[in-house]
Amino acid sequence: MPESKSKARSLSIIIIGDEILLGRVVDTNSGLVARTFGADGWLVKNIRTVADKAADIRAAIVAALDESDLVVTTGGLGPTRDDITKSVLIDVFGGELRLDASVTENIESIFAGRNLKMNELTAMQALVPTTCRVIQNRYGTAPVMWFEKEGRVLVAMPGVPYETRGALPEVARQVYEHFGSGGAILHREFTVTGITESALAQRLTDFEDRLSDNYKLAYLPVFGEITLRLDADFTEDGDVADFDIVVNDLKESVGCYLAADGKLSPAEILLHKLRQHGYSVATAESCTGGNIAHTITAIAGCSDVMRGGVVAYSNDVKSHVLAVDADTIAAHGAVSEPTVEGMAVGVRRLCAADCGIATSGIAGPGGGSPEKPVGTVWIAASTPTQTVARCYRFTGDRSAVIERATAQALVLLSELL
């Protein structure tokens, strides 16, 4: 936390690529960059998406440099003809291309690790402007380039998301070393579960009434949880020392619905609670098709908790693998309370797990009925002391139903622990 008030540093982000503008690729880089620097108090002034056209890229860069201390670009640094960012940067910052031996060595190392032979186009990635300083990209062949002009900094990064994600920590470190702290704009996030957004807003009415003008509270609901984001701007007035007092007031006002201090996903919250109890978990999924297991196993270190899972899409698998009584399925249907309870208990037994999660539903777009319309999902959670099943009616297309059911299943087990 800053010890005194200071003018916040400003950031502009430029995402370059026709594929982004045409919607063929979803931009994740801008959010990643904004979150990274925003957490250190940087003020994000603008996010621009531009085509692979020299004039558009140049105009965006000039405008961004005029309004911000730091500009981060992603994209347009590859070896193909549509990758023209490098030439535009020379136009803006001057200089000429030179061969950087350290970049060549980095590219050769990457290709050797992938057992590939470097071609002529890729070798040209080592040509960089003489006006830049190189930050090695250990995740790909396009180097990160650092430019300075009239006290402003531009960092050109590759557009491939995993390369941006991998290189960003080192970029951020060097930015902080160059500029120092972002300023006196502070942020904190909290994860809330077990309450609707409207009910939470009512609960926090008095808290929000107490906030001074330099504070802002945002509600960010997603499947199964709400992220509360508290922003405080001390660049004009206010006492930074009050921030901790306001944070504690918010946490006390949220009360028992506060699931985590910080932003955690439903899966991360569940893993934390399972570890607290020393429990393991297994999943039995029909309509979610393994998405719950995927969501859990996407988190590094989950192996101490996750035992295994079964995609029990057919009734035969439900009965023969999970030992759900075939007569129960025949009498009540696959999408029913007793069936999903049997799945949760069955997968616990099969995988020797302390807890089980099970889903069975109608994700659509077909298969619904007046009694069980599309979006109907039964979810069960089983612990060493209880098994609970609940019926939900989710809206949206097939993927939305699957995602909502996944999040709700994780939340349901968390609520029982």
Protein backbone atom coordinates (compact mmCIF):
# COMPACT_ATOMS: atom_id res chain seq x y z
CA MET A 1 0.00 0.00 0.00
CA PRO A 2 1.35 3.45 -0.82
CA GLU A 3 2.42 5.48 2.18
CA SER A 4 1.43 8.84 0.68
CA LYS A 5 -0.71 10.29 -2.05
CA SER A 6 0.76 10.46 -5.55
CA LYS A 7 -0.51 10.97 -9.05
CA ALA A 8 -1.59 7.66 -10.51
CA ARG A 9 0.37 6.34 -13.48
CA SER A 10 -1.74 5.81 -16.58
CA LEU A 11 -1.85 2.90 -19.03
CA SER A 12 -3.24 2.45 -22.53
CA ILE A 13 -3.57 -0.96 -24.18
CA ILE A 14 -3.62 -1.63 -27.92
CA ILE A 15 -4.70 -5.02 -29.28
CA ILE A 16 -3.63 -5.51 -32.89
CA GLY A 17 -5.14 -8.01 -35.32
CA ASP A 18 -7.86 -8.49 -37.92
CA GLU A 19 -8.78 -11.79 -36.28
CA ILE A 20 -9.77 -9.94 -33.11
CA LEU A 21 -11.88 -7.35 -34.92
CA LEU A 22 -13.64 -10.06 -36.96
CA GLY A 23 -14.47 -12.06 -33.84
CA ARG A 24 -12.56 -15.12 -34.98
CA VAL A 25 -10.30 -14.92 -31.92
CA VAL A 26 -11.46 -13.71 -28.51
CA ASP A 27 -9.22 -11.06 -26.96
CA THR A 28 -7.98 -12.14 -23.53
CA ASN A 29 -4.77 -10.12 -23.55
CA SER A 30 -6.28 -6.72 -22.76
CA GLY A 31 -7.99 -8.00 -19.63
CA LEU A 32 -4.82 -9.74 -18.48
CA VAL A 33 -2.68 -6.62 -18.95
CA ALA A 34 -5.29 -4.37 -17.32
CA ARG A 35 -5.66 -6.63 -14.28
CA THR A 36 -1.91 -6.95 -13.87
CA PHE A 37 -1.17 -3.24 -13.77
CA GLY A 38 -4.49 -2.21 -12.25
CA ALA A 39 -3.69 -4.29 -9.18
CA ASP A 40 -0.67 -2.03 -8.60
CA GLY A 41 -2.66 1.18 -8.87
CA TRP A 42 -2.27 1.99 -12.56
CA LEU A 43 -5.17 3.83 -14.16
CA VAL A 44 -6.26 2.16 -17.41
CA LYS A 45 -7.12 5.06 -19.71
CA ASN A 46 -8.07 3.20 -22.86
CA ILE A 47 -8.19 -0.18 -24.58
CA ARG A 48 -8.12 -0.04 -28.37
CA THR A 49 -8.48 -2.86 -30.90
CA VAL A 50 -7.11 -2.10 -34.35
CA ALA A 51 -6.74 -3.90 -37.66
CA ASP A 52 -3.50 -5.03 -39.27
CA LYS A 53 -3.23 -1.71 -41.11
CA ALA A 54 -0.20 0.54 -40.69
CA ALA A 55 -2.22 3.76 -40.56
CA ASP A 56 -4.60 2.37 -37.90
CA ILE A 57 -1.77 1.02 -35.76
CA ARG A 58 0.19 4.25 -35.99
CA ALA A 59 -2.83 6.40 -35.10
CA ALA A 60 -3.59 4.22 -32.07
CA ILE A 61 0.02 4.35 -30.85
CA VAL A 62 0.31 8.14 -31.24
CA ALA A 63 -2.98 8.70 -29.41
CA ALA A 64 -2.04 6.30 -26.61
CA LEU A 65 1.39 7.87 -26.10
CA ASP A 66 -0.28 11.27 -25.86
CA GLU A 67 -2.61 10.20 -23.03
CA SER A 68 -0.66 7.63 -21.00
CA ASP A 69 2.66 7.04 -19.26
CA LEU A 70 2.75 3.43 -20.45
CA VAL A 71 1.43 1.84 -23.62
CA VAL A 72 1.29 -1.94 -24.03
CA THR A 73 0.60 -3.42 -27.46
CA THR A 74 -0.02 -7.06 -28.28
CA GLY A 75 -0.01 -8.65 -31.72
CA GLY A 76 1.45 -8.03 -35.14
CA LEU A 77 4.96 -9.22 -34.31
CA GLY A 78 4.95 -12.52 -36.17
CA PRO A 79 6.93 -13.50 -39.30
CA THR A 80 4.10 -13.28 -41.87
CA ARG A 81 3.25 -10.38 -44.19
CA ASP A 82 0.29 -9.19 -42.11
CA ASP A 83 2.56 -8.70 -39.09
CA ILE A 84 3.50 -5.06 -39.63
CA THR A 85 3.71 -3.66 -36.09
CA LYS A 86 7.51 -3.61 -36.12
CA SER A 87 7.67 -1.33 -39.16
CA VAL A 88 5.09 1.01 -37.64
CA LEU A 89 7.14 1.21 -34.44
CA ILE A 90 10.18 2.28 -36.46
CA ASP A 91 8.02 4.94 -38.09
CA VAL A 92 6.99 6.26 -34.64
CA PHE A 93 10.25 5.87 -32.71
CA GLY A 94 12.82 6.01 -35.53
CA GLY A 95 15.78 3.71 -36.04
CA GLU A 96 16.29 0.75 -38.35
CA LEU A 97 16.23 -3.02 -38.12
CA ARG A 98 19.29 -4.80 -36.74
CA LEU A 99 20.00 -8.45 -36.05
CA ASP A 100 19.93 -9.20 -32.31
CA ALA A 101 22.10 -12.22 -31.53
CA SER A 102 20.38 -12.83 -28.19
CA VAL A 103 17.01 -13.14 -29.93
CA THR A 104 18.49 -15.55 -32.47
CA GLU A 105 19.86 -17.66 -29.63
CA ASN A 106 16.47 -17.63 -27.90
CA ILE A 107 14.66 -18.71 -31.08
CA GLU A 108 17.17 -21.51 -31.73
CA SER A 109 16.72 -22.74 -28.17
CA ILE A 110 12.93 -22.80 -28.53
CA PHE A 111 13.08 -24.66 -31.85
CA ALA A 112 15.59 -27.16 -30.51
CA GLY A 113 13.29 -27.86 -27.56
CA ARG A 114 10.42 -28.54 -29.97
CA ASN A 115 12.62 -30.64 -32.27
CA LEU A 116 11.92 -28.28 -35.17
CA LYS A 117 14.17 -26.73 -37.79
CA MET A 118 14.20 -22.95 -37.92
CA ASN A 119 13.23 -21.52 -41.31
CA GLU A 120 14.13 -18.22 -42.92
CA LEU A 121 10.94 -16.41 -41.92
CA THR A 122 11.35 -17.33 -38.29
CA ALA A 123 14.99 -16.26 -38.30
CA MET A 124 13.81 -12.78 -39.31
CA GLN A 125 12.12 -12.48 -35.91
CA ALA A 126 15.59 -11.62 -34.59
CA LEU A 127 15.54 -8.35 -36.58
CA VAL A 128 14.58 -5.62 -34.11
CA PRO A 129 14.56 -1.80 -34.24
CA THR A 130 17.74 -0.10 -33.07
CA THR A 131 15.57 2.22 -30.94
CA CYS A 132 14.24 -0.57 -28.72
CA ARG A 133 15.51 -2.62 -25.81
CA VAL A 134 14.74 -6.33 -26.04
CA ILE A 135 13.05 -8.35 -23.31
CA GLN A 136 13.43 -12.02 -24.19
CA ASN A 137 10.25 -13.97 -24.84
CA ARG A 138 10.95 -17.46 -23.44
CA TYR A 139 7.59 -18.71 -24.69
CA GLY A 140 7.79 -17.85 -28.38
CA THR A 141 9.92 -16.46 -31.18
CA ALA A 142 8.74 -12.82 -31.25
CA PRO A 143 10.78 -10.73 -28.79
CA VAL A 144 9.20 -8.22 -26.45
CA MET A 145 10.41 -4.71 -27.36
CA TRP A 146 10.72 -1.71 -25.03
CA PHE A 147 10.61 1.82 -26.51
CA GLU A 148 10.91 5.21 -24.80
CA LYS A 149 9.93 8.65 -26.05
CA GLU A 150 9.59 11.93 -24.13
CA GLY A 151 9.20 10.17 -20.81
CA ARG A 152 6.63 7.69 -22.13
CA VAL A 153 7.20 3.95 -22.52
CA LEU A 154 5.74 1.56 -25.07
CA VAL A 155 6.12 -2.19 -24.65
CA ALA A 156 5.31 -4.28 -27.74
CA MET A 157 4.32 -7.83 -26.82
CA PRO A 158 3.36 -10.89 -28.90
CA GLY A 159 -0.32 -11.53 -29.45
CA VAL A 160 -0.39 -15.29 -28.73
CA PRO A 161 -2.16 -15.40 -25.35
CA TYR A 162 0.08 -17.93 -23.64
CA GLU A 163 3.16 -15.97 -24.76
CA THR A 164 1.67 -12.72 -23.44
CA ARG A 165 0.76 -14.44 -20.19
CA GLY A 166 4.22 -15.94 -19.82
CA ALA A 167 6.17 -12.77 -20.63
CA LEU A 168 4.00 -10.33 -18.67
CA PRO A 169 5.49 -10.89 -15.18
CA GLU A 170 8.96 -9.87 -16.39
CA VAL A 171 7.52 -6.94 -18.32
CA ALA A 172 5.64 -5.77 -15.23
CA ARG A 173 8.77 -6.12 -13.10
CA GLN A 174 10.74 -3.89 -15.44
CA VAL A 175 7.90 -1.38 -15.70
CA TYR A 176 7.71 -1.09 -11.90
CA GLU A 177 11.49 -0.75 -11.75
CA HIS A 178 11.32 2.08 -14.29
CA PHE A 179 8.29 3.99 -13.00
CA GLY A 180 7.92 2.87 -9.40
CA SER A 181 4.46 2.30 -7.92
CA GLY A 182 1.44 2.90 -10.10
CA GLY A 183 0.08 5.51 -7.71
CA ALA A 184 -2.61 5.98 -5.12
CA ILE A 185 -5.43 4.10 -6.80
CA LEU A 186 -6.11 1.03 -4.67
CA HIS A 187 -8.19 -2.03 -5.45
CA ARG A 188 -9.39 -5.02 -3.44
CA GLU A 189 -11.57 -7.91 -4.55
CA PHE A 190 -13.71 -10.29 -2.52
CA THR A 191 -15.56 -13.46 -3.52
CA VAL A 192 -19.14 -13.83 -2.30
CA THR A 193 -21.34 -16.92 -2.60
CA GLY A 194 -24.74 -18.08 -1.33
CA ILE A 195 -26.61 -14.82 -2.02
CA THR A 196 -28.10 -13.13 -5.09
CA GLU A 197 -26.73 -9.88 -6.44
CA SER A 198 -29.88 -7.94 -5.52
CA ALA A 199 -29.97 -9.37 -2.00
CA LEU A 200 -26.29 -8.54 -1.55
CA ALA A 201 -26.89 -4.98 -2.75
CA GLN A 202 -29.66 -4.59 -0.17
CA ARG A 203 -27.39 -5.98 2.52
CA LEU A 204 -24.68 -3.45 1.62
CA THR A 205 -26.94 -0.38 1.35
CA ASP A 206 -25.73 1.14 4.62
CA PHE A 207 -22.10 0.39 3.77
CA GLU A 208 -22.37 2.12 0.40
CA ASP A 209 -24.09 5.10 2.03
CA ARG A 210 -21.04 5.49 4.27
CA LEU A 211 -18.55 5.55 1.37
CA SER A 212 -16.91 8.85 0.50
CA ASP A 213 -16.80 10.06 -3.10
CA ASN A 214 -13.33 8.65 -3.79
CA TYR A 215 -14.58 5.08 -3.22
CA LYS A 216 -16.50 2.89 -5.63
CA LEU A 217 -17.97 -0.57 -5.09
CA ALA A 218 -18.66 -2.76 -8.12
CA TYR A 219 -20.68 -6.00 -8.29
CA LEU A 220 -19.34 -8.55 -10.80
CA PRO A 221 -21.62 -11.60 -10.87
CA VAL A 222 -20.64 -14.77 -12.71
CA PHE A 223 -21.94 -18.32 -12.52
CA GLY A 224 -22.17 -19.35 -8.88
CA GLU A 225 -20.48 -16.33 -7.30
CA ILE A 226 -20.21 -12.57 -7.07
CA THR A 227 -16.94 -10.66 -7.08
CA LEU A 228 -17.04 -7.43 -5.11
CA ARG A 229 -14.44 -4.92 -6.27
CA LEU A 230 -13.62 -1.99 -4.03
CA ASP A 231 -11.76 0.87 -5.76
CA ALA A 232 -10.31 3.91 -4.00
CA ASP A 233 -8.82 6.92 -5.77
CA PHE A 234 -6.55 9.02 -3.53
CA THR A 235 -5.00 11.08 -6.32
CA GLU A 236 -7.07 14.16 -5.44
CA ASP A 237 -8.12 13.79 -1.80
CA GLY A 238 -8.70 11.27 0.97
CA ASP A 239 -6.43 9.46 3.36
CA VAL A 240 -4.82 6.23 2.14
CA ALA A 241 -4.68 5.01 5.74
CA ASP A 242 -8.49 4.82 5.75
CA PHE A 243 -8.48 2.10 3.09
CA ASP A 244 -7.96 -0.78 5.52
CA ILE A 245 -10.76 0.54 7.73
CA VAL A 246 -13.17 0.60 4.79
CA VAL A 247 -12.07 -2.89 3.70
CA ASN A 248 -12.79 -4.31 7.16
CA ASP A 249 -16.16 -2.53 7.21
CA LEU A 250 -17.04 -4.15 3.88
CA LYS A 251 -16.02 -7.63 5.04
CA GLU A 252 -18.07 -7.30 8.21
CA SER A 253 -21.06 -6.06 6.18
CA VAL A 254 -20.88 -9.05 3.81
CA GLY A 255 -20.69 -11.36 6.82
CA CYS A 256 -21.17 -15.09 6.38
CA TYR A 257 -21.47 -14.77 2.58
CA LEU A 258 -17.80 -13.82 2.23
CA ALA A 259 -16.20 -16.87 0.62
CA ALA A 260 -12.71 -15.50 0.02
CA ASP A 261 -10.59 -12.42 0.52
CA GLY A 262 -9.56 -12.00 -3.10
CA LYS A 263 -10.98 -13.29 -6.35
CA LEU A 264 -11.35 -17.07 -6.33
CA SER A 265 -13.32 -19.32 -8.65
CA PRO A 266 -15.91 -21.78 -7.27
CA ALA A 267 -13.40 -24.58 -7.87
CA GLU A 268 -10.66 -22.76 -5.93
CA ILE A 269 -13.04 -22.12 -3.04
CA LEU A 270 -14.05 -25.79 -2.99
CA LEU A 271 -10.45 -27.01 -3.02
CA HIS A 272 -9.64 -24.69 -0.11
CA LYS A 273 -12.56 -26.03 1.93
CA LEU A 274 -11.76 -29.65 1.10
CA ARG A 275 -8.19 -29.17 2.27
CA GLN A 276 -9.40 -27.54 5.48
CA HIS A 277 -11.39 -30.70 6.27
CA GLY A 278 -8.79 -33.12 4.89
CA TYR A 279 -11.36 -34.42 2.39
CA SER A 280 -11.04 -35.77 -1.15
CA VAL A 281 -13.60 -35.49 -3.95
CA ALA A 282 -14.82 -37.40 -7.00
CA THR A 283 -17.26 -36.42 -9.72
CA ALA A 284 -20.06 -38.24 -11.55
CA GLU A 285 -21.33 -36.26 -14.52
CA SER A 286 -24.02 -36.73 -17.08
CA CYS A 287 -25.13 -33.44 -18.67
CA THR A 288 -21.91 -31.60 -17.74
CA GLY A 289 -19.87 -34.22 -19.59
CA GLY A 290 -16.74 -34.03 -17.42
CA ASN A 291 -16.64 -30.24 -17.20
CA ILE A 292 -16.67 -30.27 -13.39
CA ALA A 293 -13.67 -32.58 -13.31
CA HIS A 294 -11.96 -30.44 -15.94
CA THR A 295 -12.59 -27.26 -13.94
CA ILE A 296 -11.07 -28.81 -10.83
CA THR A 297 -8.07 -30.38 -12.53
CA ALA A 298 -7.27 -27.14 -14.36
CA ILE A 299 -6.05 -25.84 -10.99
CA ALA A 300 -2.44 -26.68 -10.25
CA GLY A 301 -1.93 -28.81 -7.14
CA CYS A 302 -5.42 -30.33 -7.10
CA SER A 303 -4.06 -33.88 -7.02
CA ASP A 304 -4.02 -33.89 -3.21
CA VAL A 305 -7.82 -33.52 -3.26
CA MET A 306 -9.17 -34.82 -6.58
CA ARG A 307 -9.61 -38.61 -6.71
CA GLY A 308 -11.24 -39.13 -10.09
CA GLY A 309 -14.41 -38.88 -12.08
CA VAL A 310 -16.92 -40.70 -14.28
CA VAL A 311 -18.81 -39.34 -17.27
CA ALA A 312 -21.98 -41.35 -16.81
CA TYR A 313 -23.89 -40.21 -19.88
CA SER A 314 -25.87 -43.38 -20.43
CA ASN A 315 -28.18 -45.06 -17.95
CA ASP A 316 -26.13 -48.25 -18.27
CA VAL A 317 -23.04 -46.48 -16.96
CA LYS A 318 -25.08 -44.94 -14.14
CA SER A 319 -26.26 -48.35 -13.03
CA HIS A 320 -23.32 -50.65 -13.92
CA VAL A 321 -20.43 -48.34 -12.98
CA LEU A 322 -21.92 -46.10 -10.30
CA ALA A 323 -24.29 -48.74 -8.89
CA VAL A 324 -27.40 -46.59 -9.18
CA ASP A 325 -30.40 -48.91 -8.90
CA ALA A 326 -31.79 -49.53 -12.41
CA ASP A 327 -35.31 -49.63 -10.97
CA THR A 328 -34.78 -46.15 -9.52
CA ILE A 329 -33.79 -44.81 -12.93
CA ALA A 330 -36.75 -46.56 -14.57
CA ALA A 331 -39.21 -45.21 -12.02
CA HIS A 332 -37.95 -41.63 -11.69
CA GLY A 333 -35.85 -41.04 -14.80
CA ALA A 334 -32.20 -40.16 -15.23
CA VAL A 335 -32.90 -36.52 -14.45
CA SER A 336 -34.25 -36.94 -10.93
CA GLU A 337 -33.39 -36.53 -7.27
CA PRO A 338 -32.87 -40.21 -6.39
CA THR A 339 -30.80 -40.88 -9.50
CA VAL A 340 -28.41 -38.00 -8.95
CA GLU A 341 -28.11 -38.82 -5.23
CA GLY A 342 -27.20 -42.38 -6.18
CA MET A 343 -24.58 -41.09 -8.61
CA ALA A 344 -22.94 -38.89 -5.95
CA VAL A 345 -22.83 -41.70 -3.40
CA GLY A 346 -21.75 -44.21 -6.04
CA VAL A 347 -18.78 -42.20 -7.26
CA ARG A 348 -17.62 -41.67 -3.67
CA ARG A 349 -17.60 -45.42 -3.19
CA LEU A 350 -16.05 -46.15 -6.60
CA CYS A 351 -13.19 -43.67 -6.17
CA ALA A 352 -12.79 -44.06 -2.41
CA ALA A 353 -13.44 -40.34 -2.00
CA ASP A 354 -14.78 -38.49 1.02
CA CYS A 355 -17.09 -36.32 -1.09
CA GLY A 356 -18.95 -36.70 -4.36
CA ILE A 357 -20.54 -34.35 -6.87
CA ALA A 358 -23.09 -35.50 -9.44
CA THR A 359 -25.11 -33.91 -12.23
CA SER A 360 -27.89 -35.12 -14.48
CA GLY A 361 -29.94 -32.82 -16.64
CA ILE A 362 -31.13 -31.59 -20.02
CA ALA A 363 -28.60 -29.20 -21.54
CA GLY A 364 -30.50 -28.84 -24.81
CA PRO A 365 -31.28 -27.65 -27.31
CA GLY A 366 -33.57 -30.69 -27.57
CA GLY A 367 -34.73 -33.35 -25.15
CA GLY A 368 -36.91 -31.24 -22.89
CA SER A 369 -40.51 -31.85 -21.85
CA PRO A 370 -43.22 -29.79 -20.09
CA GLU A 371 -42.27 -31.49 -16.81
CA LYS A 372 -38.51 -31.24 -17.39
CA PRO A 373 -37.78 -28.40 -19.83
CA VAL A 374 -34.38 -27.71 -21.33
CA GLY A 375 -32.14 -26.29 -18.61
CA THR A 376 -33.44 -28.62 -15.90
CA VAL A 377 -30.49 -30.02 -13.97
CA TRP A 378 -30.44 -32.10 -10.80
CA ILE A 379 -27.24 -31.65 -8.81
CA ALA A 380 -26.19 -33.70 -5.80
CA ALA A 381 -23.35 -33.26 -3.34
CA SER A 382 -22.36 -35.97 -0.89
CA THR A 383 -20.12 -35.68 2.17
CA PRO A 384 -19.29 -38.15 4.96
CA THR A 385 -22.30 -36.84 6.91
CA GLN A 386 -24.99 -35.95 4.35
CA THR A 387 -26.15 -36.15 0.75
CA VAL A 388 -28.15 -33.25 -0.67
CA ALA A 389 -29.77 -32.94 -4.11
CA ARG A 390 -31.35 -29.84 -5.61
CA CYS A 391 -33.12 -29.10 -8.87
CA TYR A 392 -32.14 -26.05 -10.91
CA ARG A 393 -33.56 -24.43 -14.02
CA PHE A 394 -30.77 -22.78 -15.97
CA THR A 395 -31.31 -20.47 -18.94
CA GLY A 396 -29.17 -20.00 -22.02
CA ASP A 397 -27.82 -22.26 -24.74
CA ARG A 398 -26.20 -25.64 -24.21
CA SER A 399 -22.80 -24.29 -23.26
CA ALA A 400 -24.34 -21.80 -20.81
CA VAL A 401 -26.36 -24.55 -19.11
CA ILE A 402 -23.23 -26.69 -18.76
CA GLU A 403 -21.17 -23.80 -17.34
CA ARG A 404 -23.90 -22.76 -14.90
CA ALA A 405 -24.46 -26.33 -13.75
CA THR A 406 -20.71 -26.78 -13.26
CA ALA A 407 -20.40 -23.67 -11.10
CA GLN A 408 -23.51 -24.49 -9.07
CA ALA A 409 -22.33 -28.04 -8.41
CA LEU A 410 -19.04 -26.75 -7.01
CA VAL A 411 -20.87 -24.18 -4.89
CA LEU A 412 -23.33 -26.76 -3.55
CA LEU A 413 -20.59 -28.99 -2.18
CA SER A 414 -18.78 -25.96 -0.77
CA GLU A 415 -21.95 -24.96 1.11
CA LEU A 416 -22.11 -28.40 2.77
CA LEU A 417 -18.53 -28.22 4.07
